[in-house]
Amino acid sequence: QVQLVESGGGLVQPGGSLRLSCAASGSISSFNAMSWYRQSPGKQRELVATASLSGTTGYADSVKGRFTISRDNAENTVHLQMSSLKPEDTAVYYCKATSWLSSHWGQGTQVTVSS
């Protein structure tokens, strides 16, 4: 069973940038989708960005043009480059690996956007 470990979260000022990383303990080549989700206090977890095996990417409307997801199957990592951050981007960000048979979550990394 693959384990996912997120890193790169922290405190950043509005307008700043952060790069999140998700490292898998095994190959991610068998996962149809590698995704980033986020959850703020009192809110449901929401999909932020996803990258398919074929390289197709998708984004939530709220982050389009500001966030970029990238997946490296050779290095078994997924990154989320976040720029022009807003206070409403504050959340715990989770990495998720999805295949036809299973899905796996990381433990999350906190991102706080505040002056």
N, C-alpha and C. Protein backbone atom coordinates (compact mmCIF):
# COMPACT_ATOMS: atom_id res chain seq x y z
N GLN A 1 0.84 -1.18 0.00
CA GLN A 1 0.00 0.00 0.00
C GLN A 1 0.88 1.24 0.00
N VAL A 2 0.64 2.13 -0.93
CA VAL A 2 1.48 3.31 -1.04
C VAL A 2 1.16 4.30 0.06
N GLN A 3 2.17 4.95 0.57
CA GLN A 3 2.01 6.02 1.55
C GLN A 3 2.41 7.33 0.91
N LEU A 4 1.65 8.37 1.23
CA LEU A 4 1.87 9.69 0.67
C LEU A 4 2.26 10.65 1.78
N VAL A 5 3.30 11.44 1.55
CA VAL A 5 3.76 12.40 2.55
C VAL A 5 3.85 13.77 1.90
N GLU A 6 3.04 14.70 2.41
CA GLU A 6 3.05 16.07 1.91
C GLU A 6 4.07 16.91 2.67
N SER A 7 4.58 17.92 2.00
CA SER A 7 5.50 18.87 2.63
C SER A 7 5.41 20.20 1.89
N GLY A 8 6.00 21.23 2.49
CA GLY A 8 6.06 22.52 1.82
C GLY A 8 5.08 23.56 2.30
N GLY A 9 4.19 23.17 3.22
CA GLY A 9 3.24 24.13 3.74
C GLY A 9 3.91 25.13 4.68
N GLY A 10 3.15 26.14 5.06
CA GLY A 10 3.69 27.14 5.97
C GLY A 10 2.87 28.40 5.95
N LEU A 11 3.45 29.45 6.55
CA LEU A 11 2.81 30.76 6.62
C LEU A 11 3.36 31.65 5.52
N VAL A 12 2.48 32.26 4.76
CA VAL A 12 2.90 33.13 3.66
C VAL A 12 1.99 34.35 3.62
N GLN A 13 2.51 35.47 3.18
CA GLN A 13 1.71 36.68 3.09
C GLN A 13 0.83 36.64 1.84
N PRO A 14 -0.27 37.37 1.86
CA PRO A 14 -1.11 37.45 0.65
C PRO A 14 -0.28 37.92 -0.53
N GLY A 15 -0.50 37.27 -1.68
CA GLY A 15 0.27 37.57 -2.87
C GLY A 15 1.52 36.73 -3.02
N GLY A 16 1.86 36.00 -1.99
CA GLY A 16 3.07 35.18 -2.00
C GLY A 16 2.87 33.84 -2.70
N SER A 17 3.93 33.05 -2.66
CA SER A 17 3.92 31.74 -3.33
C SER A 17 4.41 30.65 -2.39
N LEU A 18 3.95 29.45 -2.66
CA LEU A 18 4.42 28.25 -1.97
C LEU A 18 4.41 27.09 -2.96
N ARG A 19 5.28 26.15 -2.73
CA ARG A 19 5.30 24.93 -3.54
C ARG A 19 5.14 23.73 -2.62
N LEU A 20 4.03 23.03 -2.79
CA LEU A 20 3.77 21.82 -2.02
C LEU A 20 4.30 20.61 -2.77
N SER A 21 4.77 19.65 -2.01
CA SER A 21 5.25 18.40 -2.61
C SER A 21 4.55 17.22 -1.95
N CYS A 22 4.35 16.18 -2.73
CA CYS A 22 3.77 14.94 -2.23
C CYS A 22 4.68 13.82 -2.69
N ALA A 23 5.29 13.14 -1.74
CA ALA A 23 6.21 12.05 -2.06
C ALA A 23 5.53 10.71 -1.75
N ALA A 24 5.55 9.82 -2.72
CA ALA A 24 4.94 8.50 -2.55
C ALA A 24 6.01 7.47 -2.19
N SER A 25 5.61 6.49 -1.36
CA SER A 25 6.55 5.45 -0.94
C SER A 25 6.77 4.42 -2.03
N GLY A 26 5.90 4.42 -3.04
CA GLY A 26 6.04 3.49 -4.15
C GLY A 26 5.70 4.16 -5.46
N SER A 27 5.59 3.37 -6.48
CA SER A 27 5.32 3.91 -7.81
C SER A 27 3.92 4.51 -7.89
N ILE A 28 3.84 5.67 -8.54
CA ILE A 28 2.54 6.30 -8.76
C ILE A 28 2.04 6.05 -10.19
N SER A 29 2.80 5.27 -10.93
CA SER A 29 2.45 5.04 -12.34
C SER A 29 1.14 4.29 -12.51
N SER A 30 0.71 3.57 -11.46
CA SER A 30 -0.53 2.81 -11.56
C SER A 30 -1.76 3.62 -11.16
N PHE A 31 -1.54 4.84 -10.74
CA PHE A 31 -2.66 5.67 -10.30
C PHE A 31 -3.14 6.57 -11.43
N ASN A 32 -4.43 6.42 -11.74
CA ASN A 32 -5.01 7.20 -12.83
C ASN A 32 -4.92 8.69 -12.55
N ALA A 33 -5.11 9.05 -11.31
CA ALA A 33 -5.13 10.47 -10.97
C ALA A 33 -4.33 10.71 -9.70
N MET A 34 -3.56 11.77 -9.73
CA MET A 34 -2.90 12.29 -8.55
C MET A 34 -3.48 13.69 -8.35
N SER A 35 -3.98 13.93 -7.13
CA SER A 35 -4.75 15.14 -6.90
C SER A 35 -4.34 15.83 -5.61
N TRP A 36 -4.66 17.10 -5.55
CA TRP A 36 -4.55 17.89 -4.33
C TRP A 36 -5.96 18.33 -3.93
N TYR A 37 -6.25 18.16 -2.66
CA TYR A 37 -7.49 18.63 -2.05
C TYR A 37 -7.12 19.58 -0.93
N ARG A 38 -8.11 20.33 -0.46
CA ARG A 38 -7.88 21.16 0.72
C ARG A 38 -9.14 21.21 1.56
N GLN A 39 -8.91 21.47 2.84
CA GLN A 39 -10.04 21.56 3.77
C GLN A 39 -9.77 22.67 4.78
N SER A 40 -10.74 23.58 4.87
CA SER A 40 -10.68 24.66 5.85
C SER A 40 -11.59 24.30 7.01
N PRO A 41 -11.35 24.88 8.18
CA PRO A 41 -12.22 24.58 9.33
C PRO A 41 -13.69 24.85 9.02
N GLY A 42 -14.53 23.88 9.32
CA GLY A 42 -15.96 24.05 9.11
C GLY A 42 -16.43 23.84 7.69
N LYS A 43 -15.51 23.51 6.80
CA LYS A 43 -15.88 23.32 5.40
C LYS A 43 -15.57 21.90 4.95
N GLN A 44 -16.22 21.49 3.88
CA GLN A 44 -15.94 20.17 3.33
C GLN A 44 -14.62 20.19 2.56
N ARG A 45 -14.01 19.03 2.49
CA ARG A 45 -12.80 18.91 1.69
C ARG A 45 -13.15 19.11 0.22
N GLU A 46 -12.35 19.91 -0.47
CA GLU A 46 -12.63 20.22 -1.87
C GLU A 46 -11.43 19.90 -2.75
N LEU A 47 -11.75 19.51 -3.99
CA LEU A 47 -10.72 19.24 -4.97
C LEU A 47 -10.11 20.54 -5.46
N VAL A 48 -8.79 20.60 -5.44
CA VAL A 48 -8.08 21.79 -5.89
C VAL A 48 -7.52 21.59 -7.29
N ALA A 49 -6.83 20.47 -7.49
CA ALA A 49 -6.20 20.23 -8.79
C ALA A 49 -5.97 18.74 -8.95
N THR A 50 -5.96 18.28 -10.21
CA THR A 50 -5.72 16.88 -10.47
C THR A 50 -4.89 16.71 -11.73
N ALA A 51 -4.07 15.67 -11.76
CA ALA A 51 -3.24 15.37 -12.92
C ALA A 51 -3.40 13.90 -13.26
N SER A 52 -3.78 13.62 -14.50
CA SER A 52 -3.98 12.24 -14.92
C SER A 52 -2.67 11.62 -15.42
N LEU A 53 -2.71 10.30 -15.65
CA LEU A 53 -1.55 9.60 -16.19
C LEU A 53 -1.13 10.15 -17.53
N SER A 54 -2.09 10.57 -18.31
CA SER A 54 -1.81 11.08 -19.65
C SER A 54 -1.29 12.51 -19.64
N GLY A 55 -1.32 13.12 -18.46
CA GLY A 55 -0.82 14.48 -18.36
C GLY A 55 -1.90 15.54 -18.34
N THR A 56 -3.14 15.13 -18.50
CA THR A 56 -4.24 16.09 -18.44
C THR A 56 -4.37 16.64 -17.03
N THR A 57 -4.55 17.94 -16.92
CA THR A 57 -4.72 18.57 -15.62
C THR A 57 -6.06 19.28 -15.53
N GLY A 58 -6.53 19.42 -14.31
CA GLY A 58 -7.78 20.12 -14.07
C GLY A 58 -7.68 20.90 -12.78
N TYR A 59 -8.42 22.00 -12.70
CA TYR A 59 -8.33 22.89 -11.54
C TYR A 59 -9.71 23.36 -11.11
N ALA A 60 -9.81 23.63 -9.82
CA ALA A 60 -11.00 24.30 -9.31
C ALA A 60 -11.00 25.72 -9.86
N ASP A 61 -12.18 26.25 -10.10
CA ASP A 61 -12.28 27.60 -10.65
C ASP A 61 -11.56 28.62 -9.77
N SER A 62 -11.60 28.38 -8.47
CA SER A 62 -11.03 29.34 -7.52
C SER A 62 -9.52 29.44 -7.60
N VAL A 63 -8.86 28.47 -8.21
CA VAL A 63 -7.39 28.49 -8.26
C VAL A 63 -6.84 28.55 -9.69
N LYS A 64 -7.71 28.51 -10.68
CA LYS A 64 -7.25 28.55 -12.08
C LYS A 64 -6.42 29.79 -12.34
N GLY A 65 -5.29 29.58 -12.99
CA GLY A 65 -4.41 30.69 -13.31
C GLY A 65 -3.44 31.04 -12.19
N ARG A 66 -3.64 30.45 -11.02
CA ARG A 66 -2.76 30.74 -9.88
C ARG A 66 -1.99 29.50 -9.42
N PHE A 67 -2.61 28.33 -9.54
CA PHE A 67 -1.97 27.09 -9.09
C PHE A 67 -1.63 26.22 -10.30
N THR A 68 -0.53 25.47 -10.16
CA THR A 68 -0.13 24.53 -11.20
C THR A 68 0.25 23.21 -10.57
N ILE A 69 -0.38 22.14 -11.04
CA ILE A 69 -0.05 20.80 -10.56
C ILE A 69 0.89 20.13 -11.56
N SER A 70 1.83 19.38 -11.02
CA SER A 70 2.72 18.63 -11.88
C SER A 70 2.99 17.27 -11.24
N ARG A 71 3.10 16.25 -12.07
CA ARG A 71 3.36 14.92 -11.53
C ARG A 71 4.58 14.35 -12.23
N ASP A 72 5.44 13.73 -11.46
CA ASP A 72 6.67 13.14 -11.97
C ASP A 72 6.62 11.65 -11.64
N ASN A 73 6.23 10.85 -12.62
CA ASN A 73 6.09 9.42 -12.38
C ASN A 73 7.43 8.74 -12.12
N ALA A 74 8.50 9.30 -12.66
CA ALA A 74 9.82 8.71 -12.46
C ALA A 74 10.30 8.91 -11.02
N GLU A 75 9.95 10.07 -10.46
CA GLU A 75 10.37 10.39 -9.09
C GLU A 75 9.29 10.09 -8.07
N ASN A 76 8.12 9.65 -8.55
CA ASN A 76 7.00 9.33 -7.65
C ASN A 76 6.61 10.51 -6.77
N THR A 77 6.55 11.67 -7.39
CA THR A 77 6.18 12.88 -6.67
C THR A 77 5.14 13.68 -7.44
N VAL A 78 4.42 14.47 -6.68
CA VAL A 78 3.45 15.40 -7.25
C VAL A 78 3.66 16.73 -6.56
N HIS A 79 3.63 17.79 -7.34
CA HIS A 79 3.84 19.12 -6.78
C HIS A 79 2.63 20.01 -7.06
N LEU A 80 2.46 20.98 -6.19
CA LEU A 80 1.44 22.00 -6.41
C LEU A 80 2.12 23.35 -6.22
N GLN A 81 2.35 24.04 -7.32
CA GLN A 81 2.91 25.39 -7.26
C GLN A 81 1.77 26.37 -7.10
N MET A 82 1.83 27.14 -6.01
CA MET A 82 0.75 28.08 -5.70
C MET A 82 1.31 29.49 -5.70
N SER A 83 0.68 30.37 -6.44
CA SER A 83 1.12 31.75 -6.49
C SER A 83 -0.09 32.67 -6.29
N SER A 84 0.21 33.95 -6.10
CA SER A 84 -0.85 34.94 -5.85
C SER A 84 -1.81 34.45 -4.78
N LEU A 85 -1.24 33.96 -3.70
CA LEU A 85 -2.06 33.35 -2.64
C LEU A 85 -2.94 34.38 -1.95
N LYS A 86 -4.12 33.90 -1.58
CA LYS A 86 -5.12 34.74 -0.93
C LYS A 86 -5.43 34.16 0.45
N PRO A 87 -5.94 34.97 1.36
CA PRO A 87 -6.31 34.44 2.68
C PRO A 87 -7.29 33.26 2.59
N GLU A 88 -8.16 33.29 1.59
CA GLU A 88 -9.12 32.19 1.44
C GLU A 88 -8.49 30.88 0.97
N ASP A 89 -7.21 30.92 0.63
CA ASP A 89 -6.50 29.68 0.29
C ASP A 89 -6.01 28.96 1.54
N THR A 90 -6.17 29.59 2.69
CA THR A 90 -5.76 28.97 3.95
C THR A 90 -6.53 27.68 4.19
N ALA A 91 -5.80 26.59 4.40
CA ALA A 91 -6.42 25.28 4.57
C ALA A 91 -5.33 24.24 4.82
N VAL A 92 -5.77 23.06 5.17
CA VAL A 92 -4.88 21.90 5.16
C VAL A 92 -4.98 21.29 3.76
N TYR A 93 -3.84 21.10 3.14
CA TYR A 93 -3.79 20.56 1.78
C TYR A 93 -3.40 19.09 1.83
N TYR A 94 -4.17 18.28 1.12
CA TYR A 94 -3.97 16.85 1.11
C TYR A 94 -3.66 16.34 -0.30
N CYS A 95 -2.80 15.37 -0.37
CA CYS A 95 -2.48 14.68 -1.61
C CYS A 95 -3.31 13.40 -1.67
N LYS A 96 -3.79 13.05 -2.84
CA LYS A 96 -4.58 11.83 -3.01
C LYS A 96 -4.16 11.10 -4.27
N ALA A 97 -4.01 9.79 -4.15
CA ALA A 97 -3.69 8.94 -5.29
C ALA A 97 -4.90 8.05 -5.55
N THR A 98 -5.38 8.03 -6.79
CA THR A 98 -6.58 7.27 -7.12
C THR A 98 -6.32 6.33 -8.29
N SER A 99 -6.70 5.06 -8.08
CA SER A 99 -6.68 4.09 -9.16
C SER A 99 -8.08 3.51 -9.31
N TRP A 100 -8.26 2.56 -10.24
CA TRP A 100 -9.58 1.93 -10.41
C TRP A 100 -9.96 1.15 -9.16
N LEU A 101 -8.97 0.68 -8.42
CA LEU A 101 -9.24 -0.22 -7.30
C LEU A 101 -9.17 0.45 -5.93
N SER A 102 -8.44 1.52 -5.82
CA SER A 102 -8.22 2.07 -4.48
C SER A 102 -7.86 3.54 -4.55
N SER A 103 -7.89 4.16 -3.38
CA SER A 103 -7.42 5.54 -3.25
C SER A 103 -6.65 5.66 -1.95
N HIS A 104 -5.71 6.60 -1.93
CA HIS A 104 -4.85 6.77 -0.77
C HIS A 104 -4.69 8.25 -0.50
N TRP A 105 -4.67 8.61 0.79
CA TRP A 105 -4.52 9.99 1.21
C TRP A 105 -3.25 10.19 1.99
N GLY A 106 -2.69 11.38 1.89
CA GLY A 106 -1.61 11.77 2.77
C GLY A 106 -2.18 12.37 4.04
N GLN A 107 -1.29 12.79 4.93
CA GLN A 107 -1.72 13.31 6.24
C GLN A 107 -2.02 14.79 6.20
N GLY A 108 -1.62 15.46 5.15
CA GLY A 108 -1.92 16.87 4.98
C GLY A 108 -0.80 17.79 5.43
N THR A 109 -0.80 18.99 4.85
CA THR A 109 0.15 20.02 5.25
C THR A 109 -0.60 21.35 5.32
N GLN A 110 -0.33 22.10 6.38
CA GLN A 110 -1.07 23.34 6.63
C GLN A 110 -0.51 24.49 5.80
N VAL A 111 -1.39 25.20 5.14
CA VAL A 111 -1.03 26.43 4.43
C VAL A 111 -1.84 27.56 5.05
N THR A 112 -1.14 28.58 5.51
CA THR A 112 -1.80 29.74 6.11
C THR A 112 -1.37 30.99 5.36
N VAL A 113 -2.35 31.71 4.83
CA VAL A 113 -2.08 32.95 4.09
C VAL A 113 -2.58 34.11 4.93
N SER A 114 -1.65 34.88 5.46
CA SER A 114 -2.02 35.95 6.38
C SER A 114 -0.91 36.99 6.44
N SER A 115 -1.32 38.24 6.66
CA SER A 115 -0.33 39.29 6.83
C SER A 115 -0.02 39.49 8.31
